[in-house]
Amino acid sequence: MNRITPMVLSVTQLNTYVRSVFEQDPHLTQVFVSGEISNFKNYYRSGHLYLSLKDEKSVIKAVMFARYTERLRFVPEDGMKVIARGRVSVYEATGQYQLYIEDLQPDGVGALSVAFEQLKRKLEAEGLFGKKKQIPKYPERIGVITSPSGAAVHDILTVLGRRYPAAEIVFCPVAVQGTEAAPQIVDAVERFNRLNCADVLIVGRGGGSLEDLWPFNEESVARAVAASRIPVISAVGHETDFTICDFAADLRAPTPSAAAELAVPDRIELAAGLRGMRKRLHQAIESVLSDAGRRIDRLSDSDVFRNPAERLEQRKQEITQLSSVLNSHMTRKIQSCHTILSSESGRLNALSPLAVLSRGYAVTCDENGSPVGSASKVRKGEILTIKMNDGNVGCLVENVRMQKKKRSEAGKL
């Protein structure tokens, strides 16, 4: 019996062979795998997604290349339960088998619903939904952004024409469904702001499925609506439909017709309000005129109007009396001030050095003109000046005699 000599393989040859076995197995070329995402990594530059799928007992590594991730409507997250479609093969460099995902869907919930909630949480966390502008009460121009062929534009124009025909309508037709819809809506909003040709914008469309309404859930549309300087009313779908555009807009209307009603006042209500204001104004004028008439009647019955000459004569007498009293008070005040001035002048004169000199006293000054207050400060041979009432006398000091101090009575004891 001939023995088969075993073949020695390199690691690369072995991994390549195992890979060919995987790829030739029809059961592994297309599989559907249900599991929970873990170890999720998103490499934005390459666009590839790397993750693991696990259940209660096992884990398998997986990769989703950029050409497939472009079709994803949601962002995978750790802990999310999904169903992956793809093929099983071996990565030769590590010898590890893994799942190559071609499509990924949330398990139990639609991808669009997941994407909606993810984007809503993201923009809400940024504060994009918090700033709301006030809708003008009496807009002159209304911008309408919707499909030219849908029922929404007909409903909006009908309501606007009925409620407020004075307003000018500026219509910008756009696609509201499909891949071209979101860029056209963004461009329309930005163009209205750039040209400043509307006081308020209505953005919306009629009802449809979540996929039909999806352009109004695009992040670019939400950001354009939130950044608009012109207030925006969002009217997408029916009353039960909600889109990201509704949250980003300054006001959400349940339907396009309701948006038109919210955008303008009702001319019938305005006319009724004007009639009421006119009535109240007429009543107010009548009340003012009536009050003025009664005041005129009261004034015409007063003494001033019945006998003005007598009233003037009374005032003249009062002025004369007040003038006499004022003159009397002024005379007494002047006399009092004169008496006080005379008294103070006499007291001041009595204290004057000149008055003292006039009574025969004199002031002795040294060579510098300073008064000499004591004999101890005078020296023999010094020239002094004696100031009198009517002139000065110069003298030479021949001798100085100091007066002996008298002892006090207490000293004698």
Protein backbone atom coordinates (compact mmCIF):
# COMPACT_ATOMS: atom_id res chain seq x y z
CA MET A 1 0.00 0.00 0.00
CA ASN A 2 1.44 3.35 -1.13
CA ARG A 3 1.68 6.02 1.52
CA ILE A 4 0.71 9.65 0.56
CA THR A 5 3.48 12.03 1.36
CA PRO A 6 2.00 14.98 3.29
CA MET A 7 2.36 18.38 1.60
CA VAL A 8 4.01 21.14 3.59
CA LEU A 9 2.05 24.45 3.17
CA SER A 10 2.98 27.97 4.09
CA VAL A 11 0.64 29.95 6.33
CA THR A 12 -0.42 32.06 3.37
CA GLN A 13 -1.16 28.96 1.25
CA LEU A 14 -3.22 27.48 4.05
CA ASN A 15 -5.24 30.66 4.60
CA THR A 16 -5.78 31.05 0.87
CA TYR A 17 -7.04 27.46 0.60
CA VAL A 18 -9.42 27.88 3.54
CA ARG A 19 -10.72 31.10 2.01
CA SER A 20 -11.42 29.31 -1.29
CA VAL A 21 -13.31 26.60 0.61
CA PHE A 22 -15.50 29.28 2.29
CA GLU A 23 -16.16 31.13 -0.93
CA GLN A 24 -17.08 27.96 -2.84
CA ASP A 25 -19.64 26.91 -0.23
CA PRO A 26 -23.09 28.04 -1.53
CA HIS A 27 -24.40 28.20 2.05
CA LEU A 28 -21.87 30.93 2.92
CA THR A 29 -22.04 33.15 -0.16
CA GLN A 30 -25.24 34.78 1.08
CA VAL A 31 -26.32 34.54 4.70
CA PHE A 32 -28.63 36.48 7.00
CA VAL A 33 -27.32 36.87 10.55
CA SER A 34 -29.23 38.28 13.51
CA GLY A 35 -27.26 39.66 16.45
CA GLU A 36 -26.34 42.57 18.69
CA ILE A 37 -23.70 45.08 17.60
CA SER A 38 -20.58 45.43 19.77
CA ASN A 39 -17.09 46.90 19.33
CA PHE A 40 -18.43 49.25 16.69
CA LYS A 41 -15.82 51.40 14.91
CA ASN A 42 -16.51 53.94 12.21
CA TYR A 43 -13.49 55.01 10.16
CA TYR A 44 -14.77 58.18 8.50
CA ARG A 45 -11.85 58.65 6.11
CA SER A 46 -12.19 55.26 4.48
CA GLY A 47 -15.94 54.96 5.04
CA HIS A 48 -15.59 51.33 6.25
CA LEU A 49 -17.45 50.05 9.31
CA TYR A 50 -15.96 47.43 11.65
CA LEU A 51 -18.04 45.67 14.28
CA SER A 52 -18.90 42.40 15.96
CA LEU A 53 -22.24 40.57 16.05
CA LYS A 54 -23.01 38.56 19.14
CA ASP A 55 -25.77 36.55 20.78
CA GLU A 56 -25.92 34.85 24.17
CA LYS A 57 -23.14 32.35 23.36
CA SER A 58 -21.05 33.43 20.37
CA VAL A 59 -19.41 36.37 18.59
CA ILE A 60 -18.40 36.90 14.96
CA LYS A 61 -16.37 39.78 13.59
CA ALA A 62 -17.80 41.71 10.65
CA VAL A 63 -16.89 44.47 8.24
CA MET A 64 -18.97 46.67 5.94
CA PHE A 65 -17.10 48.43 3.16
CA ALA A 66 -17.75 52.02 2.08
CA ARG A 67 -19.57 51.10 -1.14
CA TYR A 68 -22.28 49.48 1.02
CA THR A 69 -22.32 51.97 3.93
CA GLU A 70 -23.38 54.77 1.58
CA ARG A 71 -26.82 53.16 1.39
CA LEU A 72 -27.33 53.07 5.17
CA ARG A 73 -30.21 55.21 6.45
CA PHE A 74 -29.06 55.05 10.08
CA VAL A 75 -25.85 55.01 12.10
CA PRO A 76 -25.09 51.65 13.77
CA GLU A 77 -24.54 51.78 17.53
CA ASP A 78 -23.28 49.37 20.16
CA GLY A 79 -26.14 47.40 21.68
CA MET A 80 -28.38 47.76 18.61
CA LYS A 81 -30.04 44.56 17.41
CA VAL A 82 -29.72 44.16 13.66
CA ILE A 83 -30.10 41.72 10.79
CA ALA A 84 -27.05 41.61 8.51
CA ARG A 85 -26.96 40.24 4.97
CA GLY A 86 -23.63 39.27 3.45
CA ARG A 87 -21.09 36.52 2.88
CA VAL A 88 -18.68 34.63 5.11
CA SER A 89 -15.00 34.47 4.14
CA VAL A 90 -11.51 34.44 5.60
CA TYR A 91 -9.23 37.42 6.01
CA GLU A 92 -5.94 35.90 4.84
CA ALA A 93 -3.65 38.28 6.73
CA THR A 94 -4.90 37.08 10.13
CA GLY A 95 -6.47 33.75 9.19
CA GLN A 96 -9.70 34.82 10.86
CA TYR A 97 -13.04 34.21 9.27
CA GLN A 98 -15.56 37.07 9.37
CA LEU A 99 -18.82 38.31 7.96
CA TYR A 100 -18.63 40.73 5.05
CA ILE A 101 -21.87 42.77 5.36
CA GLU A 102 -23.59 44.08 2.26
CA ASP A 103 -26.83 45.30 3.88
CA LEU A 104 -27.78 46.10 7.46
CA GLN A 105 -31.23 46.69 8.92
CA PRO A 106 -32.45 47.25 12.49
CA ASP A 107 -34.13 44.16 13.89
CA GLY A 108 -37.83 44.90 14.54
CA VAL A 109 -37.71 48.64 13.68
CA GLY A 110 -37.34 50.22 10.25
CA ALA A 111 -34.05 51.86 9.33
CA LEU A 112 -35.80 55.16 8.59
CA SER A 113 -37.41 55.22 12.04
CA VAL A 114 -34.03 54.66 13.67
CA ALA A 115 -32.40 57.33 11.51
CA PHE A 116 -35.22 59.75 12.38
CA GLU A 117 -34.70 59.30 16.13
CA GLN A 118 -30.92 59.49 15.86
CA LEU A 119 -30.97 62.76 13.92
CA LYS A 120 -33.65 64.22 16.18
CA ARG A 121 -31.57 63.49 19.30
CA LYS A 122 -28.43 64.92 17.67
CA LEU A 123 -30.00 68.22 16.55
CA GLU A 124 -31.93 68.60 19.78
CA ALA A 125 -28.69 68.20 21.76
CA GLU A 126 -27.17 71.00 19.65
CA GLY A 127 -30.05 73.31 20.57
CA LEU A 128 -31.21 73.57 16.95
CA PHE A 129 -34.88 73.27 17.93
CA GLY A 130 -34.85 75.85 20.73
CA LYS A 131 -34.70 79.20 18.89
CA LYS A 132 -38.06 80.25 17.43
CA LYS A 133 -38.83 83.44 15.53
CA GLN A 134 -42.23 85.12 15.74
CA ILE A 135 -44.56 84.85 12.76
CA PRO A 136 -45.53 88.37 11.53
CA LYS A 137 -49.19 89.25 12.08
CA TYR A 138 -49.70 91.09 8.79
CA PRO A 139 -47.21 89.77 6.19
CA GLU A 140 -47.01 91.58 2.87
CA ARG A 141 -45.30 88.74 0.96
CA ILE A 142 -45.58 85.01 1.63
CA GLY A 143 -43.06 82.54 0.23
CA VAL A 144 -44.37 79.06 -0.65
CA ILE A 145 -41.93 76.17 -1.16
CA THR A 146 -43.60 72.97 -2.37
CA SER A 147 -44.30 70.87 -5.44
CA PRO A 148 -46.03 72.68 -8.32
CA SER A 149 -48.15 69.61 -9.15
CA GLY A 150 -49.32 68.44 -5.71
CA ALA A 151 -52.56 69.19 -3.89
CA ALA A 152 -50.62 71.13 -1.22
CA VAL A 153 -49.94 74.16 -3.42
CA HIS A 154 -53.60 74.33 -4.47
CA ASP A 155 -54.77 74.17 -0.86
CA ILE A 156 -52.27 76.83 0.27
CA LEU A 157 -53.11 79.27 -2.54
CA THR A 158 -56.84 78.77 -2.02
CA VAL A 159 -56.69 79.49 1.70
CA LEU A 160 -54.37 82.48 1.29
CA GLY A 161 -56.59 83.99 -1.41
CA ARG A 162 -59.70 83.56 0.70
CA ARG A 163 -58.30 84.76 4.02
CA TYR A 164 -55.89 87.53 3.06
CA PRO A 165 -55.92 88.50 -0.65
CA ALA A 166 -53.89 91.64 0.11
CA ALA A 167 -50.72 89.58 0.55
CA GLU A 168 -48.41 88.88 -2.39
CA ILE A 169 -47.53 85.19 -2.90
CA VAL A 170 -44.02 84.27 -4.10
CA PHE A 171 -43.99 80.62 -5.22
CA CYS A 172 -40.81 78.55 -5.57
CA PRO A 173 -41.50 75.08 -7.05
CA VAL A 174 -39.34 72.20 -5.77
CA ALA A 175 -39.33 68.42 -5.77
CA VAL A 176 -40.73 67.06 -2.51
CA GLN A 177 -39.86 63.40 -3.04
CA GLY A 178 -36.76 61.53 -4.16
CA THR A 179 -33.04 62.20 -3.99
CA GLU A 180 -33.26 65.65 -5.60
CA ALA A 181 -35.86 66.98 -3.16
CA ALA A 182 -33.65 67.87 -0.18
CA PRO A 183 -31.06 69.91 -2.17
CA GLN A 184 -33.84 71.82 -3.96
CA ILE A 185 -35.63 72.63 -0.68
CA VAL A 186 -32.36 73.85 0.88
CA ASP A 187 -31.61 75.99 -2.18
CA ALA A 188 -35.12 77.51 -2.13
CA VAL A 189 -34.91 78.48 1.56
CA GLU A 190 -31.46 80.02 1.08
CA ARG A 191 -32.58 81.88 -2.05
CA PHE A 192 -35.56 83.46 -0.27
CA ASN A 193 -33.20 84.65 2.50
CA ARG A 194 -30.60 85.89 0.04
CA LEU A 195 -33.14 87.91 -1.97
CA ASN A 196 -35.18 88.86 1.13
CA CYS A 197 -38.37 88.54 -0.91
CA ALA A 198 -40.79 87.20 1.73
CA ASP A 199 -41.94 87.98 5.26
CA VAL A 200 -42.79 84.36 6.09
CA LEU A 201 -42.12 81.00 4.39
CA ILE A 202 -44.40 77.96 4.11
CA VAL A 203 -42.42 74.75 3.46
CA GLY A 204 -44.24 71.46 3.01
CA ARG A 205 -46.12 68.88 1.01
CA GLY A 206 -49.10 66.57 1.26
CA GLY A 207 -49.22 63.21 3.03
CA GLY A 208 -47.34 60.04 2.18
CA SER A 209 -45.27 57.22 3.61
CA LEU A 210 -42.25 57.80 5.81
CA GLU A 211 -40.01 57.23 2.79
CA ASP A 212 -42.03 59.73 0.72
CA LEU A 213 -41.66 62.38 3.43
CA TRP A 214 -37.98 61.59 4.02
CA PRO A 215 -36.51 64.70 2.26
CA PHE A 216 -37.99 66.74 5.11
CA ASN A 217 -36.06 64.54 7.57
CA GLU A 218 -32.69 65.28 5.99
CA GLU A 219 -30.17 67.10 8.18
CA SER A 220 -29.40 69.65 5.46
CA VAL A 221 -33.07 70.70 5.27
CA ALA A 222 -33.35 70.99 9.05
CA ARG A 223 -30.25 73.18 9.26
CA ALA A 224 -31.36 75.44 6.39
CA VAL A 225 -34.79 75.94 7.99
CA ALA A 226 -33.30 76.66 11.43
CA ALA A 227 -30.77 79.13 9.95
CA SER A 228 -33.41 81.06 7.97
CA ARG A 229 -33.73 84.73 8.96
CA ILE A 230 -37.27 84.61 7.56
CA PRO A 231 -39.73 82.80 9.90
CA VAL A 232 -40.64 79.34 8.56
CA ILE A 233 -43.91 77.41 8.94
CA SER A 234 -43.50 73.67 8.34
CA ALA A 235 -46.48 71.83 6.89
CA VAL A 236 -45.50 68.28 5.96
CA GLY A 237 -48.01 65.48 5.53
CA HIS A 238 -51.10 65.00 7.66
CA GLU A 239 -51.79 65.91 11.27
CA THR A 240 -50.23 62.70 12.62
CA ASP A 241 -47.04 63.03 10.54
CA PHE A 242 -43.98 64.56 12.16
CA THR A 243 -40.68 65.37 10.46
CA ILE A 244 -37.36 66.86 11.54
CA CYS A 245 -38.31 69.95 9.54
CA ASP A 246 -41.30 70.43 11.88
CA PHE A 247 -39.00 70.63 14.90
CA ALA A 248 -36.51 72.96 13.19
CA ALA A 249 -39.18 75.36 11.90
CA ASP A 250 -40.48 78.34 13.87
CA LEU A 251 -44.03 76.95 13.72
CA ARG A 252 -45.46 73.54 12.83
CA ALA A 253 -48.79 73.23 11.04
CA PRO A 254 -50.66 69.90 10.88
CA THR A 255 -51.49 70.34 7.17
CA PRO A 256 -50.61 72.71 4.31
CA SER A 257 -54.06 74.30 4.57
CA ALA A 258 -53.53 74.92 8.28
CA ALA A 259 -50.12 76.48 7.49
CA ALA A 260 -51.81 79.01 5.21
CA GLU A 261 -54.30 79.82 7.98
CA LEU A 262 -51.48 80.34 10.48
CA ALA A 263 -49.49 82.51 8.08
CA VAL A 264 -52.12 85.24 7.54
CA PRO A 265 -55.05 86.77 9.40
CA ASP A 266 -58.64 86.31 8.26
CA ARG A 267 -59.94 89.36 6.42
CA ILE A 268 -63.47 88.72 7.74
CA GLU A 269 -62.20 88.73 11.32
CA LEU A 270 -60.10 91.82 10.56
CA ALA A 271 -63.13 93.64 9.14
CA ALA A 272 -65.20 92.71 12.20
CA GLY A 273 -62.37 93.87 14.44
CA LEU A 274 -62.12 97.18 12.58
CA ARG A 275 -65.85 97.72 12.90
CA GLY A 276 -65.60 97.06 16.63
CA MET A 277 -62.65 99.44 16.96
CA ARG A 278 -64.53 102.09 14.98
CA LYS A 279 -67.51 101.74 17.28
CA ARG A 280 -65.36 101.97 20.41
CA LEU A 281 -63.50 104.99 18.98
CA HIS A 282 -66.81 106.72 18.19
CA GLN A 283 -68.04 106.02 21.72
CA ALA A 284 -64.78 107.33 23.20
CA ILE A 285 -64.99 110.56 21.14
CA GLU A 286 -68.59 111.08 22.21
CA SER A 287 -67.63 110.55 25.84
CA VAL A 288 -64.76 113.07 25.58
CA LEU A 289 -66.98 115.64 23.87
CA SER A 290 -69.72 115.11 26.47
CA ASP A 291 -67.26 115.60 29.35
CA ALA A 292 -65.86 118.72 27.66
CA GLY A 293 -69.39 120.13 27.22
CA ARG A 294 -70.19 119.62 30.90
CA ARG A 295 -66.93 121.33 31.90
CA ILE A 296 -67.78 124.29 29.64
CA ASP A 297 -71.21 124.53 31.23
CA ARG A 298 -69.69 124.55 34.72
CA LEU A 299 -67.17 127.20 33.73
CA SER A 300 -69.79 129.39 32.07
CA ASP A 301 -71.78 129.39 35.34
CA SER A 302 -68.77 130.47 37.40
CA ASP A 303 -68.21 134.04 38.68
CA VAL A 304 -65.27 134.53 36.34
CA PHE A 305 -67.41 134.34 33.24
CA ARG A 306 -70.55 135.95 34.69
CA ASN A 307 -68.85 139.10 36.12
CA PRO A 308 -65.22 139.22 35.04
CA ALA A 309 -64.77 142.97 35.90
CA GLU A 310 -65.72 142.37 39.53
CA ARG A 311 -63.37 139.41 39.70
CA LEU A 312 -60.53 141.54 38.33
CA GLU A 313 -61.27 144.32 40.82
CA GLN A 314 -61.08 141.82 43.69
CA ARG A 315 -57.73 140.57 42.45
CA LYS A 316 -56.49 144.17 42.11
CA GLN A 317 -57.43 144.95 45.72
CA GLU A 318 -55.69 141.79 46.91
CA ILE A 319 -52.53 142.78 45.03
CA THR A 320 -52.64 146.31 46.53
CA GLN A 321 -52.98 144.93 50.05
CA LEU A 322 -50.16 142.45 49.51
CA SER A 323 -47.94 145.25 48.10
CA SER A 324 -48.57 147.44 51.17
CA VAL A 325 -47.77 144.57 53.53
CA LEU A 326 -44.60 143.80 51.59
CA ASN A 327 -43.40 147.43 51.72
CA SER A 328 -44.05 147.61 55.46
CA HIS A 329 -42.09 144.43 56.06
CA MET A 330 -39.19 145.70 53.93
CA THR A 331 -39.05 149.06 55.81
CA ARG A 332 -38.94 147.35 59.20
CA LYS A 333 -36.27 144.96 58.01
CA ILE A 334 -34.06 147.81 56.70
CA GLN A 335 -34.38 149.78 59.94
CA SER A 336 -33.50 146.72 61.99
CA CYS A 337 -30.41 146.06 59.87
CA HIS A 338 -29.35 149.77 60.16
CA THR A 339 -29.59 149.65 63.96
CA ILE A 340 -27.54 146.46 64.13
CA LEU A 341 -24.91 147.95 61.79
CA SER A 342 -24.56 151.12 63.90
CA SER A 343 -24.16 149.12 67.08
CA GLU A 344 -21.52 146.81 65.63
CA SER A 345 -19.66 149.78 64.08
CA GLY A 346 -19.38 151.49 67.50
CA ARG A 347 -18.08 148.33 69.10
CA LEU A 348 -15.53 147.89 66.34
CA ASN A 349 -14.35 151.51 66.63
CA ALA A 350 -13.87 151.15 70.39
CA LEU A 351 -11.50 148.27 69.77
CA SER A 352 -9.49 150.16 67.10
CA PRO A 353 -5.81 150.97 67.97
CA LEU A 354 -6.28 154.45 66.50
CA ALA A 355 -8.99 155.19 69.04
CA VAL A 356 -6.59 154.21 71.83
CA LEU A 357 -3.91 156.55 70.45
CA SER A 358 -6.36 159.43 70.27
CA ARG A 359 -6.72 159.24 74.04
CA GLY A 360 -3.00 160.08 74.59
CA TYR A 361 -1.48 156.64 74.42
CA ALA A 362 1.52 155.79 72.18
CA VAL A 363 3.08 152.65 70.66
CA THR A 364 6.88 152.06 70.86
CA CYS A 365 8.43 150.22 67.91
CA ASP A 366 11.95 148.93 67.28
CA GLU A 367 14.08 149.59 64.20
CA ASN A 368 12.11 146.95 62.27
CA GLY A 369 8.79 148.59 63.06
CA SER A 370 7.71 145.79 65.43
CA PRO A 371 5.94 146.89 68.65
CA VAL A 372 8.10 146.63 71.79
CA GLY A 373 6.07 144.96 74.54
CA SER A 374 8.69 144.79 77.30
CA ALA A 375 11.59 146.95 78.61
CA SER A 376 13.70 143.80 78.75
CA LYS A 377 13.77 143.78 74.97
CA VAL A 378 15.32 147.30 74.72
CA ARG A 379 19.09 147.98 74.79
CA LYS A 380 20.99 151.20 75.54
CA GLY A 381 21.89 153.11 72.39
CA GLU A 382 19.02 151.56 70.42
CA ILE A 383 16.90 153.90 68.28
CA LEU A 384 13.16 153.52 68.85
CA THR A 385 10.15 155.04 67.15
CA ILE A 386 7.20 156.26 69.20
CA LYS A 387 3.94 156.25 67.23
CA MET A 388 1.32 158.76 68.40
CA ASN A 389 -2.12 159.74 67.14
CA ASP A 390 -0.86 162.56 64.91
CA GLY A 391 2.69 161.40 64.05
CA ASN A 392 5.90 159.55 64.98
CA VAL A 393 8.80 160.53 67.30
CA GLY A 394 12.34 159.06 67.03
CA CYS A 395 14.37 158.65 70.22
CA LEU A 396 17.72 157.27 71.41
CA VAL A 397 17.73 154.99 74.45
CA GLU A 398 20.12 156.34 77.09
CA ASN A 399 19.26 153.95 79.88
CA VAL A 400 16.87 151.14 80.70
CA ARG A 401 15.33 150.83 84.16
CA MET A 402 13.39 147.68 84.90
CA GLN A 403 10.45 147.90 87.30
CA LYS A 404 10.75 145.74 90.37
CA LYS A 405 8.04 143.10 90.64
CA LYS A 406 5.73 143.44 93.61
CA ARG A 407 5.49 140.54 95.90
CA SER A 408 2.04 139.11 96.23
CA GLU A 409 0.17 139.09 99.50
CA ALA A 410 0.61 135.36 99.57
CA GLY A 411 4.41 135.83 99.31
CA LYS A 412 4.43 138.14 102.30
CA LEU A 413 2.81 135.50 104.39
